[in-house]
Amino acid sequence: MGKYPPPDTLPGEPSRAVLRAGTPLFRVHSTHRDPTAYNTRRTHPFYYGGRFDSTPFDPYGYLYVGFGVGAAVSEVLLRSLPFDGGHGPRLLPRVAFERRSLSFLRLAADIEVVSLMGGADLAAVAQDAWLVHTEGADYPQTRDWGHWIRRQTKSWAQGFVWPSKREPADRVAVLFDDRGETPLLEPAGAAPVDFGTEEGEHWLNGVLAPYRTQTAPRPPRRNEEF
C-alpha cells in the first residue's frame, strides 16, 4: 500500500511514454466548457477534487481523457456507484450527467508523458498500484504525489498515463498546460454528445449498458404525480 509521503529523491528513472499525434482521445466535461480547454481551478489541497488535480501548492491547468469511450465515461460517471448485490442495473443520478458532454478529440502533436502503467513504472516513482487505484478518500495524498512526480520530471513530462480503474482494459491520462508550447489537443471532427438532451442520454445509456448501469428516470411532473 503506497499511502506514505514521497521520498526526497527518485529511486529510479521515471518511465517515459510517447503519445503520437493523431491519437484519438475522449473527454467527459461540463457542457459549458470548451472541449480542449484546461481546467484552471485549483482544487483544495485536502478536500474534494480529482486524482492528479492542481492545488495552490502546484498550480497548473489540467484535463483528464480516456483512450476509449468506456474509460472516459466510467472514470467520470461511475465513481462511487456501487452494485447493490441485486440483478438490476445501477442507476446513475441525473445530477451526475445532465450538465455534461462527451467530446471526440485527438492529439495535435507528439507528447511525452510519465507512464504509470505497470509495477515497474510505479516502482520507479517509489509507488505501487495504490497511486492509480485508490478511491477518492485518498485523493489529497495522490495529488501530493502527482505534484512530487511533476517536480521530478520537470520539464519534459506533459502528463501521466495509467490503466483505468473502472475500465481496466483501457487507459486514461491527465495532461498539463505548462509543459510544451503547442496546443496538445484538437477536435476530432464529430460533434460533442450532450448528455442533457434526449438523444445524448440515449447514446449514454448505450455506453453504460455493458457496465450494468442506466440513467435514472426523469422525475414526474407535478400534474403527473397522481
C-alpha atoms as a PDB file:
ATOM      1  CA  MET A   1       0.000   0.000   0.000  1.00  0.00           C
ATOM      2  CA  GLY A   2       1.531   3.304  -1.147  1.00  0.00           C
ATOM      3  CA  LYS A   3      -0.067   5.699   1.352  1.00  0.00           C
ATOM      4  CA  TYR A   4       3.066   7.382   2.699  1.00  0.00           C
ATOM      5  CA  PRO A   5       4.866  10.671   1.937  1.00  0.00           C
ATOM      6  CA  PRO A   6       7.040  10.960  -1.175  1.00  0.00           C
ATOM      7  CA  PRO A   7      10.775  10.411  -0.611  1.00  0.00           C
ATOM      8  CA  ASP A   8      13.429  13.065  -1.035  1.00  0.00           C
ATOM      9  CA  THR A   9      14.770  11.592  -4.274  1.00  0.00           C
ATOM     10  CA  LEU A  10      13.620   9.233  -7.011  1.00  0.00           C
ATOM     11  CA  PRO A  11      14.548   5.552  -6.587  1.00  0.00           C
ATOM     12  CA  GLY A  12      14.811   5.090 -10.350  1.00  0.00           C
ATOM     13  CA  GLU A  13      14.345   6.726 -13.733  1.00  0.00           C
ATOM     14  CA  PRO A  14      10.650   7.511 -14.444  1.00  0.00           C
ATOM     15  CA  SER A  15       9.277   5.603 -17.406  1.00  0.00           C
ATOM     16  CA  ARG A  16       8.648   7.774 -20.439  1.00  0.00           C
ATOM     17  CA  ALA A  17       5.892   7.081 -22.948  1.00  0.00           C
ATOM     18  CA  VAL A  18       5.382   8.937 -26.219  1.00  0.00           C
ATOM     19  CA  LEU A  19       1.791   9.502 -27.288  1.00  0.00           C
ATOM     20  CA  ARG A  20       1.668  10.159 -31.015  1.00  0.00           C
ATOM     21  CA  ALA A  21      -0.053  12.977 -32.840  1.00  0.00           C
ATOM     22  CA  GLY A  22      -3.442  11.879 -34.107  1.00  0.00           C
ATOM     23  CA  THR A  23      -4.134   9.524 -31.193  1.00  0.00           C
ATOM     24  CA  PRO A  24      -7.920   9.554 -30.557  1.00  0.00           C
ATOM     25  CA  LEU A  25      -8.918  10.661 -27.067  1.00  0.00           C
ATOM     26  CA  PHE A  26     -12.290  11.141 -25.372  1.00  0.00           C
ATOM     27  CA  ARG A  27     -13.204  13.659 -22.707  1.00  0.00           C
ATOM     28  CA  VAL A  28     -16.269  13.921 -20.451  1.00  0.00           C
ATOM     29  CA  HIS A  29     -16.580  17.521 -19.321  1.00  0.00           C
ATOM     30  CA  SER A  30     -19.044  20.174 -18.209  1.00  0.00           C
ATOM     31  CA  THR A  31     -21.139  21.087 -21.237  1.00  0.00           C
ATOM     32  CA  HIS A  32     -20.334  24.787 -20.870  1.00  0.00           C
ATOM     33  CA  ARG A  33     -16.584  24.105 -21.079  1.00  0.00           C
ATOM     34  CA  ASP A  34     -14.699  24.178 -24.382  1.00  0.00           C
ATOM     35  CA  PRO A  35     -13.702  20.551 -25.134  1.00  0.00           C
ATOM     36  CA  THR A  36      -9.996  21.380 -25.379  1.00  0.00           C
ATOM     37  CA  ALA A  37      -9.878  23.918 -22.533  1.00  0.00           C
ATOM     38  CA  TYR A  38      -7.860  23.041 -19.467  1.00  0.00           C
ATOM     39  CA  ASN A  39      -9.370  23.209 -16.024  1.00  0.00           C
ATOM     40  CA  THR A  40      -7.557  26.035 -14.266  1.00  0.00           C
ATOM     41  CA  ARG A  41      -9.458  25.799 -10.979  1.00  0.00           C
ATOM     42  CA  ARG A  42      -7.132  24.943  -8.110  1.00  0.00           C
ATOM     43  CA  THR A  43      -8.548  22.098  -6.056  1.00  0.00           C
ATOM     44  CA  HIS A  44      -8.462  22.370  -2.272  1.00  0.00           C
ATOM     45  CA  PRO A  45      -5.365  20.504  -1.034  1.00  0.00           C
ATOM     46  CA  PHE A  46      -7.316  18.354   1.431  1.00  0.00           C
ATOM     47  CA  TYR A  47     -10.928  18.114   0.212  1.00  0.00           C
ATOM     48  CA  TYR A  48     -12.802  17.012  -2.912  1.00  0.00           C
ATOM     49  CA  GLY A  49     -11.144  17.115  -6.324  1.00  0.00           C
ATOM     50  CA  GLY A  50      -9.582  14.510  -8.607  1.00  0.00           C
ATOM     51  CA  ARG A  51      -6.604  12.187  -8.510  1.00  0.00           C
ATOM     52  CA  PHE A  52      -3.988  14.492 -10.026  1.00  0.00           C
ATOM     53  CA  ASP A  53      -5.651  17.927  -9.896  1.00  0.00           C
ATOM     54  CA  SER A  54      -3.805  21.184  -9.471  1.00  0.00           C
ATOM     55  CA  THR A  55      -3.750  22.746  -5.993  1.00  0.00           C
ATOM     56  CA  PRO A  56      -2.374  26.029  -4.607  1.00  0.00           C
ATOM     57  CA  PHE A  57       0.839  24.105  -3.856  1.00  0.00           C
ATOM     58  CA  ASP A  58       1.339  23.360  -7.577  1.00  0.00           C
ATOM     59  CA  PRO A  59      -0.892  25.477  -9.842  1.00  0.00           C
ATOM     60  CA  TYR A  60      -1.295  24.292 -13.445  1.00  0.00           C
ATOM     61  CA  GLY A  61      -4.058  23.725 -15.958  1.00  0.00           C
ATOM     62  CA  TYR A  62      -5.094  20.076 -16.311  1.00  0.00           C
ATOM     63  CA  LEU A  63      -7.580  17.845 -18.076  1.00  0.00           C
ATOM     64  CA  TYR A  64      -8.416  14.143 -17.975  1.00  0.00           C
ATOM     65  CA  VAL A  65      -9.042  11.990 -21.053  1.00  0.00           C
ATOM     66  CA  GLY A  66      -9.757   8.359 -21.825  1.00  0.00           C
ATOM     67  CA  PHE A  67      -8.279   6.415 -24.725  1.00  0.00           C
ATOM     68  CA  GLY A  68     -11.700   4.837 -25.276  1.00  0.00           C
ATOM     69  CA  VAL A  69     -15.275   5.987 -24.762  1.00  0.00           C
ATOM     70  CA  GLY A  70     -15.878   3.423 -21.989  1.00  0.00           C
ATOM     71  CA  ALA A  71     -12.888   4.594 -19.968  1.00  0.00           C
ATOM     72  CA  ALA A  72     -13.773   8.271 -20.370  1.00  0.00           C
ATOM     73  CA  VAL A  73     -17.401   7.745 -19.328  1.00  0.00           C
ATOM     74  CA  SER A  74     -16.833   5.280 -16.495  1.00  0.00           C
ATOM     75  CA  GLU A  75     -13.975   7.217 -14.890  1.00  0.00           C
ATOM     76  CA  VAL A  76     -16.137  10.328 -14.552  1.00  0.00           C
ATOM     77  CA  LEU A  77     -19.654   8.966 -14.090  1.00  0.00           C
ATOM     78  CA  LEU A  78     -19.228   5.617 -12.318  1.00  0.00           C
ATOM     79  CA  ARG A  79     -17.125   6.756  -9.366  1.00  0.00           C
ATOM     80  CA  SER A  80     -18.617   5.620  -6.057  1.00  0.00           C
ATOM     81  CA  LEU A  81     -21.587   3.981  -7.785  1.00  0.00           C
ATOM     82  CA  PRO A  82     -21.661   0.541  -6.139  1.00  0.00           C
ATOM     83  CA  PHE A  83     -23.621  -2.538  -7.125  1.00  0.00           C
ATOM     84  CA  ASP A  84     -26.304  -3.375  -4.575  1.00  0.00           C
ATOM     85  CA  GLY A  85     -25.989  -7.148  -4.935  1.00  0.00           C
ATOM     86  CA  GLY A  86     -29.165  -7.462  -6.984  1.00  0.00           C
ATOM     87  CA  HIS A  87     -29.584  -8.337 -10.632  1.00  0.00           C
ATOM     88  CA  GLY A  88     -30.846  -4.974 -11.831  1.00  0.00           C
ATOM     89  CA  PRO A  89     -28.719  -2.178 -13.276  1.00  0.00           C
ATOM     90  CA  ARG A  90     -27.181   0.583 -11.236  1.00  0.00           C
ATOM     91  CA  LEU A  91     -28.982   3.901 -11.575  1.00  0.00           C
ATOM     92  CA  LEU A  92     -26.871   6.909 -12.456  1.00  0.00           C
ATOM     93  CA  PRO A  93     -28.267  10.024 -10.743  1.00  0.00           C
ATOM     94  CA  ARG A  94     -29.377  12.667 -13.194  1.00  0.00           C
ATOM     95  CA  VAL A  95     -27.331  15.335 -11.464  1.00  0.00           C
ATOM     96  CA  ALA A  96     -24.217  13.332 -12.393  1.00  0.00           C
ATOM     97  CA  PHE A  97     -24.661  13.615 -16.168  1.00  0.00           C
ATOM     98  CA  GLU A  98     -27.291  16.139 -17.277  1.00  0.00           C
ATOM     99  CA  ARG A  99     -24.829  19.045 -17.483  1.00  0.00           C
ATOM    100  CA  ARG A 100     -22.028  17.027 -19.026  1.00  0.00           C
ATOM    101  CA  SER A 101     -20.975  16.121 -22.560  1.00  0.00           C
ATOM    102  CA  LEU A 102     -18.510  13.784 -24.241  1.00  0.00           C
ATOM    103  CA  SER A 103     -16.130  15.223 -26.837  1.00  0.00           C
ATOM    104  CA  PHE A 104     -14.111  13.437 -29.506  1.00  0.00           C
ATOM    105  CA  LEU A 105     -10.533  14.703 -29.566  1.00  0.00           C
ATOM    106  CA  ARG A 106      -7.101  13.804 -30.892  1.00  0.00           C
ATOM    107  CA  LEU A 107      -3.553  14.741 -30.046  1.00  0.00           C
ATOM    108  CA  ALA A 108      -2.290  17.656 -32.123  1.00  0.00           C
ATOM    109  CA  ALA A 109       1.386  16.757 -31.603  1.00  0.00           C
ATOM    110  CA  ASP A 110       3.591  14.019 -30.194  1.00  0.00           C
ATOM    111  CA  ILE A 111       3.816  14.367 -26.419  1.00  0.00           C
ATOM    112  CA  GLU A 112       5.908  12.717 -23.723  1.00  0.00           C
ATOM    113  CA  VAL A 113       4.246  11.559 -20.512  1.00  0.00           C
ATOM    114  CA  VAL A 114       5.163   9.622 -17.375  1.00  0.00           C
ATOM    115  CA  SER A 115       3.964   6.036 -17.693  1.00  0.00           C
ATOM    116  CA  LEU A 116       2.291   4.613 -14.585  1.00  0.00           C
ATOM    117  CA  MET A 117       1.037   1.566 -16.461  1.00  0.00           C
ATOM    118  CA  GLY A 118       2.793  -1.259 -14.634  1.00  0.00           C
ATOM    119  CA  GLY A 119       4.511  -2.287 -11.430  1.00  0.00           C
ATOM    120  CA  ALA A 120       7.986  -1.364 -12.663  1.00  0.00           C
ATOM    121  CA  ASP A 121       6.736   2.057 -13.836  1.00  0.00           C
ATOM    122  CA  LEU A 122       5.195   2.729 -10.430  1.00  0.00           C
ATOM    123  CA  ALA A 123       8.260   1.461  -8.550  1.00  0.00           C
ATOM    124  CA  ALA A 124      10.410   3.917 -10.499  1.00  0.00           C
ATOM    125  CA  VAL A 125       8.486   6.724  -8.770  1.00  0.00           C
ATOM    126  CA  ALA A 126       8.504   4.954  -5.369  1.00  0.00           C
ATOM    127  CA  GLN A 127       4.873   3.837  -5.647  1.00  0.00           C
ATOM    128  CA  ASP A 128       2.595   0.850  -6.253  1.00  0.00           C
ATOM    129  CA  ALA A 129      -0.932   0.321  -7.596  1.00  0.00           C
ATOM    130  CA  TRP A 130      -2.390   2.397  -4.746  1.00  0.00           C
ATOM    131  CA  LEU A 131      -1.448   5.572  -6.626  1.00  0.00           C
ATOM    132  CA  VAL A 132      -3.693   4.826  -9.610  1.00  0.00           C
ATOM    133  CA  HIS A 133      -6.347   2.571  -7.998  1.00  0.00           C
ATOM    134  CA  THR A 134      -7.188   4.167  -4.670  1.00  0.00           C
ATOM    135  CA  GLU A 135     -10.575   5.822  -4.237  1.00  0.00           C
ATOM    136  CA  GLY A 136     -11.454   9.462  -3.617  1.00  0.00           C
ATOM    137  CA  ALA A 137     -10.816   9.484   0.131  1.00  0.00           C
ATOM    138  CA  ASP A 138      -7.081   9.271  -0.660  1.00  0.00           C
ATOM    139  CA  TYR A 139      -7.027  11.834  -3.481  1.00  0.00           C
ATOM    140  CA  PRO A 140      -5.405  14.529  -1.296  1.00  0.00           C
ATOM    141  CA  GLN A 141      -2.436  12.150  -0.987  1.00  0.00           C
ATOM    142  CA  THR A 142      -2.406  11.201  -4.692  1.00  0.00           C
ATOM    143  CA  ARG A 143      -2.435  14.902  -5.595  1.00  0.00           C
ATOM    144  CA  ASP A 144       0.608  15.401  -3.366  1.00  0.00           C
ATOM    145  CA  TRP A 145       2.332  12.508  -5.115  1.00  0.00           C
ATOM    146  CA  GLY A 146       1.373  13.925  -8.501  1.00  0.00           C
ATOM    147  CA  HIS A 147       2.965  17.248  -7.612  1.00  0.00           C
ATOM    148  CA  TRP A 148       6.114  15.444  -6.467  1.00  0.00           C
ATOM    149  CA  ILE A 149       6.322  13.410  -9.700  1.00  0.00           C
ATOM    150  CA  ARG A 150       5.866  16.607 -11.709  1.00  0.00           C
ATOM    151  CA  ARG A 151       8.788  18.193  -9.850  1.00  0.00           C
ATOM    152  CA  GLN A 152      10.984  15.158 -10.510  1.00  0.00           C
ATOM    153  CA  THR A 153      10.128  15.166 -14.235  1.00  0.00           C
ATOM    154  CA  LYS A 154      10.316  18.906 -14.930  1.00  0.00           C
ATOM    155  CA  SER A 155      10.132  19.986 -17.643  1.00  0.00           C
ATOM    156  CA  TRP A 156       9.645  17.086 -20.063  1.00  0.00           C
ATOM    157  CA  ALA A 157       6.562  15.347 -18.629  1.00  0.00           C
ATOM    158  CA  GLN A 158       3.426  16.742 -20.279  1.00  0.00           C
ATOM    159  CA  GLY A 159       1.142  14.417 -18.319  1.00  0.00           C
ATOM    160  CA  PHE A 160       0.715  10.940 -16.810  1.00  0.00           C
ATOM    161  CA  VAL A 161      -0.863   7.813 -18.309  1.00  0.00           C
ATOM    162  CA  TRP A 162      -2.194   4.855 -16.287  1.00  0.00           C
ATOM    163  CA  PRO A 163      -4.683   1.945 -16.505  1.00  0.00           C
ATOM    164  CA  SER A 164      -8.280   2.972 -15.981  1.00  0.00           C
ATOM    165  CA  LYS A 165      -9.531   1.778 -12.606  1.00  0.00           C
ATOM    166  CA  ARG A 166     -13.111   1.351 -13.802  1.00  0.00           C
ATOM    167  CA  GLU A 167     -12.247   0.041 -17.291  1.00  0.00           C
ATOM    168  CA  PRO A 168      -9.010  -1.899 -16.727  1.00  0.00           C
ATOM    169  CA  ALA A 169      -8.780  -2.897 -20.395  1.00  0.00           C
ATOM    170  CA  ASP A 170      -8.145   0.727 -21.325  1.00  0.00           C
ATOM    171  CA  ARG A 171      -6.009   3.721 -20.390  1.00  0.00           C
ATOM    172  CA  VAL A 172      -6.614   7.221 -19.074  1.00  0.00           C
ATOM    173  CA  ALA A 173      -4.351  10.235 -18.890  1.00  0.00           C
ATOM    174  CA  VAL A 174      -4.026  13.646 -17.306  1.00  0.00           C
ATOM    175  CA  LEU A 175      -2.426  16.380 -19.416  1.00  0.00           C
ATOM    176  CA  PHE A 176      -0.797  19.602 -18.178  1.00  0.00           C
ATOM    177  CA  ASP A 177      -0.881  23.029 -19.805  1.00  0.00           C
ATOM    178  CA  ASP A 178       2.502  24.231 -18.528  1.00  0.00           C
ATOM    179  CA  ARG A 179       4.699  21.738 -20.382  1.00  0.00           C
ATOM    180  CA  GLY A 180       5.252  22.414 -24.088  1.00  0.00           C
ATOM    181  CA  GLU A 181       4.351  25.366 -26.280  1.00  0.00           C
ATOM    182  CA  THR A 182       1.903  23.962 -28.854  1.00  0.00           C
ATOM    183  CA  PRO A 183      -1.753  23.040 -28.156  1.00  0.00           C
ATOM    184  CA  LEU A 184      -1.896  19.371 -27.191  1.00  0.00           C
ATOM    185  CA  LEU A 185      -5.467  18.634 -28.268  1.00  0.00           C
ATOM    186  CA  GLU A 186      -7.806  19.426 -31.133  1.00  0.00           C
ATOM    187  CA  PRO A 187     -11.377  18.373 -32.022  1.00  0.00           C
ATOM    188  CA  ALA A 188     -11.510  15.128 -33.980  1.00  0.00           C
ATOM    189  CA  GLY A 189     -14.422  16.234 -36.162  1.00  0.00           C
ATOM    190  CA  ALA A 190     -17.510  14.679 -34.582  1.00  0.00           C
ATOM    191  CA  ALA A 191     -19.787  16.977 -32.618  1.00  0.00           C
ATOM    192  CA  PRO A 192     -19.837  16.553 -28.816  1.00  0.00           C
ATOM    193  CA  VAL A 193     -22.586  14.404 -27.311  1.00  0.00           C
ATOM    194  CA  ASP A 194     -24.673  16.463 -24.882  1.00  0.00           C
ATOM    195  CA  PHE A 195     -25.939  14.096 -22.184  1.00  0.00           C
ATOM    196  CA  GLY A 196     -28.580  16.643 -21.209  1.00  0.00           C
ATOM    197  CA  THR A 197     -30.519  16.080 -24.436  1.00  0.00           C
ATOM    198  CA  GLU A 198     -32.832  13.163 -25.161  1.00  0.00           C
ATOM    199  CA  GLU A 199     -30.562  11.940 -27.962  1.00  0.00           C
ATOM    200  CA  GLY A 200     -27.454  12.336 -25.826  1.00  0.00           C
ATOM    201  CA  GLU A 201     -28.979  10.451 -22.907  1.00  0.00           C
ATOM    202  CA  HIS A 202     -29.986   7.604 -25.236  1.00  0.00           C
ATOM    203  CA  TRP A 203     -26.399   7.470 -26.554  1.00  0.00           C
ATOM    204  CA  LEU A 204     -25.043   7.490 -22.995  1.00  0.00           C
ATOM    205  CA  ASN A 205     -27.288   4.601 -21.985  1.00  0.00           C
ATOM    206  CA  GLY A 206     -25.843   2.580 -24.845  1.00  0.00           C
ATOM    207  CA  VAL A 207     -22.351   3.119 -23.415  1.00  0.00           C
ATOM    208  CA  LEU A 208     -23.471   2.384 -19.834  1.00  0.00           C
ATOM    209  CA  ALA A 209     -25.377  -0.828 -20.607  1.00  0.00           C
ATOM    210  CA  PRO A 210     -22.317  -3.157 -20.583  1.00  0.00           C
ATOM    211  CA  TYR A 211     -21.449  -1.724 -17.162  1.00  0.00           C
ATOM    212  CA  ARG A 212     -24.881  -2.734 -15.809  1.00  0.00           C
ATOM    213  CA  THR A 213     -25.820   0.915 -15.407  1.00  0.00           C
ATOM    214  CA  GLN A 214     -28.529   3.167 -16.776  1.00  0.00           C
ATOM    215  CA  THR A 215     -29.560   6.750 -16.224  1.00  0.00           C
ATOM    216  CA  ALA A 216     -32.162   7.327 -13.521  1.00  0.00           C
ATOM    217  CA  PRO A 217     -35.640   8.127 -14.868  1.00  0.00           C
ATOM    218  CA  ARG A 218     -36.806  11.697 -15.048  1.00  0.00           C
ATOM    219  CA  PRO A 219     -38.895  12.760 -12.045  1.00  0.00           C
ATOM    220  CA  PRO A 220     -42.623  13.046 -12.821  1.00  0.00           C
ATOM    221  CA  ARG A 221     -44.091  16.447 -13.459  1.00  0.00           C
ATOM    222  CA  ARG A 222     -46.382  17.796 -10.759  1.00  0.00           C
ATOM    223  CA  ASN A 223     -49.539  17.123 -12.731  1.00  0.00           C
ATOM    224  CA  GLU A 224     -48.384  13.547 -13.382  1.00  0.00           C
ATOM    225  CA  GLU A 225     -47.882  12.565  -9.760  1.00  0.00           C
ATOM    226  CA  PHE A 226     -51.467  11.432  -9.153  1.00  0.00           C
END
